[in-house]
C-alpha atoms as a PDB file:
ATOM      1  CA  MET A   1     -26.704   0.108  53.047  1.00  0.00           C
ATOM      2  CA  LYS A   2     -27.481   2.979  55.325  1.00  0.00           C
ATOM      3  CA  SER A   3     -27.944   5.793  52.390  1.00  0.00           C
ATOM      4  CA  SER A   4     -31.024   3.441  50.850  1.00  0.00           C
ATOM      5  CA  LYS A   5     -32.234   4.192  54.716  1.00  0.00           C
ATOM      6  CA  ALA A   6     -31.167   7.512  54.715  1.00  0.00           C
ATOM      7  CA  LYS A   7     -33.132   7.975  51.268  1.00  0.00           C
ATOM      8  CA  LYS A   8     -36.428   6.799  52.388  1.00  0.00           C
ATOM      9  CA  LYS A   9     -36.501   8.853  55.354  1.00  0.00           C
ATOM     10  CA  SER A  10     -35.804  12.191  53.648  1.00  0.00           C
ATOM     11  CA  SER A  11     -38.450  10.848  50.905  1.00  0.00           C
ATOM     12  CA  SER A  12     -40.975   9.786  53.713  1.00  0.00           C
ATOM     13  CA  SER A  13     -40.298  13.175  55.366  1.00  0.00           C
ATOM     14  CA  LEU A  14     -40.520  14.995  51.848  1.00  0.00           C
ATOM     15  CA  GLU A  15     -44.301  13.069  51.616  1.00  0.00           C
ATOM     16  CA  ARG A  16     -45.060  14.489  54.730  1.00  0.00           C
ATOM     17  CA  ARG A  17     -44.422  18.233  54.120  1.00  0.00           C
ATOM     18  CA  LEU A  18     -46.308  18.087  50.485  1.00  0.00           C
ATOM     19  CA  SER A  19     -49.441  16.539  52.457  1.00  0.00           C
ATOM     20  CA  GLU A  20     -49.160  19.216  55.014  1.00  0.00           C
ATOM     21  CA  LEU A  21     -48.667  21.835  52.118  1.00  0.00           C
ATOM     22  CA  GLU A  22     -51.729  20.649  50.379  1.00  0.00           C
ATOM     23  CA  GLU A  23     -53.668  20.905  53.710  1.00  0.00           C
ATOM     24  CA  GLU A  24     -52.772  24.710  54.167  1.00  0.00           C
ATOM     25  CA  ALA A  25     -54.011  25.625  50.237  1.00  0.00           C
ATOM     26  CA  ALA A  26     -56.972  23.773  51.208  1.00  0.00           C
ATOM     27  CA  SER A  27     -57.655  25.932  54.462  1.00  0.00           C
ATOM     28  CA  LYS A  28     -56.974  29.053  51.954  1.00  0.00           C
ATOM     29  CA  GLY A  29     -59.461  27.612  49.275  1.00  0.00           C
ATOM     30  CA  ILE A  30     -56.891  26.565  46.569  1.00  0.00           C
ATOM     31  CA  ARG A  31     -57.140  23.154  44.986  1.00  0.00           C
ATOM     32  CA  VAL A  32     -54.088  21.327  44.113  1.00  0.00           C
ATOM     33  CA  ARG A  33     -54.620  19.351  40.872  1.00  0.00           C
ATOM     34  CA  TYR A  34     -51.857  16.916  39.596  1.00  0.00           C
ATOM     35  CA  ASP A  35     -52.274  16.099  35.843  1.00  0.00           C
ATOM     36  CA  ARG A  36     -49.818  15.630  32.893  1.00  0.00           C
ATOM     37  CA  LEU A  37     -49.664  19.232  31.707  1.00  0.00           C
ATOM     38  CA  GLU A  38     -49.019  18.520  28.068  1.00  0.00           C
ATOM     39  CA  ALA A  39     -51.365  18.841  25.169  1.00  0.00           C
ATOM     40  CA  ALA A  40     -50.643  18.428  21.644  1.00  0.00           C
ATOM     41  CA  GLY A  41     -46.852  18.257  22.114  1.00  0.00           C
ATOM     42  CA  LEU A  42     -46.755  21.292  24.151  1.00  0.00           C
ATOM     43  CA  LYS A  43     -45.565  21.193  27.370  1.00  0.00           C
ATOM     44  CA  LEU A  44     -47.416  23.418  30.185  1.00  0.00           C
ATOM     45  CA  LYS A  45     -46.285  25.417  33.002  1.00  0.00           C
ATOM     46  CA  GLY A  46     -48.894  25.240  35.417  1.00  0.00           C
ATOM     47  CA  GLY A  47     -49.783  27.905  38.062  1.00  0.00           C
ATOM     48  CA  VAL A  48     -52.868  29.225  39.570  1.00  0.00           C
ATOM     49  CA  CYS A  49     -56.298  29.999  37.793  1.00  0.00           C
ATOM     50  CA  LYS A  50     -59.798  30.799  39.183  1.00  0.00           C
ATOM     51  CA  ALA A  51     -62.819  28.964  37.660  1.00  0.00           C
ATOM     52  CA  ASN A  52     -66.197  28.773  38.837  1.00  0.00           C
ATOM     53  CA  GLY A  53     -65.016  30.639  42.116  1.00  0.00           C
ATOM     54  CA  GLU A  54     -62.782  28.067  43.002  1.00  0.00           C
ATOM     55  CA  TYR A  55     -58.642  28.902  42.755  1.00  0.00           C
ATOM     56  CA  HIS A  56     -56.657  25.533  41.534  1.00  0.00           C
ATOM     57  CA  LEU A  57     -53.241  25.171  41.522  1.00  0.00           C
ATOM     58  CA  PHE A  58     -52.004  22.933  38.490  1.00  0.00           C
ATOM     59  CA  ILE A  59     -48.995  20.854  38.989  1.00  0.00           C
ATOM     60  CA  ASP A  60     -47.227  18.231  36.445  1.00  0.00           C
ATOM     61  CA  LYS A  61     -47.666  15.097  38.121  1.00  0.00           C
ATOM     62  CA  ARG A  62     -44.676  13.906  36.678  1.00  0.00           C
ATOM     63  CA  ARG A  63     -42.476  16.584  38.956  1.00  0.00           C
ATOM     64  CA  SER A  64     -40.454  15.448  41.713  1.00  0.00           C
ATOM     65  CA  THR A  65     -42.198  15.504  45.353  1.00  0.00           C
ATOM     66  CA  ALA A  66     -39.015  18.666  46.137  1.00  0.00           C
ATOM     67  CA  GLU A  67     -40.534  20.434  42.968  1.00  0.00           C
ATOM     68  CA  LYS A  68     -44.195  20.003  44.093  1.00  0.00           C
ATOM     69  CA  ILE A  69     -43.157  21.517  47.499  1.00  0.00           C
ATOM     70  CA  ASP A  70     -41.510  24.041  46.010  1.00  0.00           C
ATOM     71  CA  THR A  71     -44.371  25.091  43.627  1.00  0.00           C
ATOM     72  CA  ILE A  72     -47.015  24.902  46.085  1.00  0.00           C
ATOM     73  CA  GLN A  73     -44.715  27.011  48.799  1.00  0.00           C
ATOM     74  CA  ASP A  74     -44.462  29.796  46.080  1.00  0.00           C
ATOM     75  CA  CYS A  75     -48.200  29.979  45.395  1.00  0.00           C
ATOM     76  CA  LEU A  76     -48.926  30.122  49.167  1.00  0.00           C
ATOM     77  CA  ASN A  77     -46.130  33.144  49.513  1.00  0.00           C
ATOM     78  CA  GLN A  78     -47.819  35.141  46.383  1.00  0.00           C
ATOM     79  CA  PRO A  79     -51.305  36.675  46.487  1.00  0.00           C
ATOM     80  CA  LEU A  80     -54.270  34.814  44.880  1.00  0.00           C
ATOM     81  CA  PRO A  81     -54.977  36.644  41.467  1.00  0.00           C
ATOM     82  CA  LYS A  82     -57.672  38.744  41.531  1.00  0.00           C
ATOM     83  CA  ASP A  83     -60.897  38.778  39.109  1.00  0.00           C
ATOM     84  CA  VAL A  84     -60.413  40.623  35.521  1.00  0.00           C
ATOM     85  CA  ALA A  85     -63.111  43.332  35.406  1.00  0.00           C
END
């Protein structure tokens, strides 16, 4: 019984961390988007792009909370891509 309580607690702490990272990304002008990244049988990796002057970070919504956290942290630790001239 204790293990399920511990799992719930860690799950809520992961959700809280994810929320904090989403807010940090938003403060840096990055919109985090969760979509099903699959089309015509192709699974897409996701990542950062700039469209209409806004940065978007695409993450597959089926990924675990821990994977979403890792992806956002990686994005925040890297410089944003610049426009191609």
